Amino acid sequence: MADLKNEYIDINNIKHKVEHIIISDYDKNSKERIVDELFDIMTRPNRHISV
């Protein structure tokens, strides 16, 4: 398995914890959880996405 980072530092030099979620192709609940979490993140006020 890949060596995944536990935190990252943003452009403002602030550290953030990282959570890695591994989903199964057969587990419908885990897919729904990912969709729910993405929806929550994308609908938060003051979200910033760098492109």
Protein backbone atom coordinates (compact mmCIF):
# COMPACT_ATOMS: atom_id res chain seq x y z
CA MET A 1 0.00 0.00 0.00
CA ALA A 2 1.15 3.55 -0.69
CA ASP A 3 2.64 5.71 2.04
CA LEU A 4 -0.13 8.29 2.49
CA LYS A 5 0.37 11.65 4.20
CA ASN A 6 -1.23 12.30 7.60
CA GLU A 7 -1.21 16.07 7.25
CA TYR A 8 -0.58 18.82 4.73
CA ILE A 9 0.40 22.47 4.91
CA ASP A 10 -1.70 24.96 2.94
CA ILE A 11 -0.57 28.16 1.24
CA ASN A 12 -1.05 30.07 4.51
CA ASN A 13 1.41 27.73 6.26
CA ILE A 14 -1.37 26.10 8.32
CA LYS A 15 -1.23 22.35 9.03
CA HIS A 16 -4.32 20.22 8.35
CA LYS A 17 -4.95 16.60 9.29
CA VAL A 18 -5.80 14.22 6.46
CA GLU A 19 -8.24 11.33 6.67
CA HIS A 20 -8.02 8.59 4.05
CA ILE A 21 -11.14 6.56 3.38
CA ILE A 22 -11.00 3.27 1.51
CA ILE A 23 -14.30 2.12 0.11
CA SER A 24 -15.36 -1.24 -1.15
CA ASP A 25 -17.06 -1.63 -4.52
CA TYR A 26 -19.63 -3.84 -2.81
CA ASP A 27 -20.44 -1.63 0.17
CA LYS A 28 -23.26 0.78 -0.70
CA ASN A 29 -23.06 2.50 2.73
CA SER A 30 -19.45 3.57 2.22
CA LYS A 31 -20.29 5.06 -1.20
CA GLU A 32 -23.18 7.01 0.32
CA ARG A 33 -20.88 8.26 3.09
CA ILE A 34 -18.38 9.59 0.53
CA VAL A 35 -21.15 11.37 -1.39
CA ASP A 36 -22.57 12.86 1.83
CA GLU A 37 -19.15 14.10 2.96
CA LEU A 38 -18.35 15.61 -0.45
CA PHE A 39 -21.72 17.35 -0.51
CA ASP A 40 -21.09 18.73 2.97
CA ILE A 41 -17.65 20.03 2.00
CA MET A 42 -18.83 21.59 -1.25
CA THR A 43 -21.79 23.38 0.35
CA ARG A 44 -19.89 24.91 3.28
CA PRO A 45 -19.77 28.69 3.40
CA ASN A 46 -16.37 30.29 2.80
CA ARG A 47 -14.88 27.28 1.07
CA HIS A 48 -11.83 27.99 -1.04
CA ILE A 49 -10.69 25.80 -3.89
CA SER A 50 -7.46 26.62 -5.71
CA VAL A 51 -7.30 25.71 -9.34
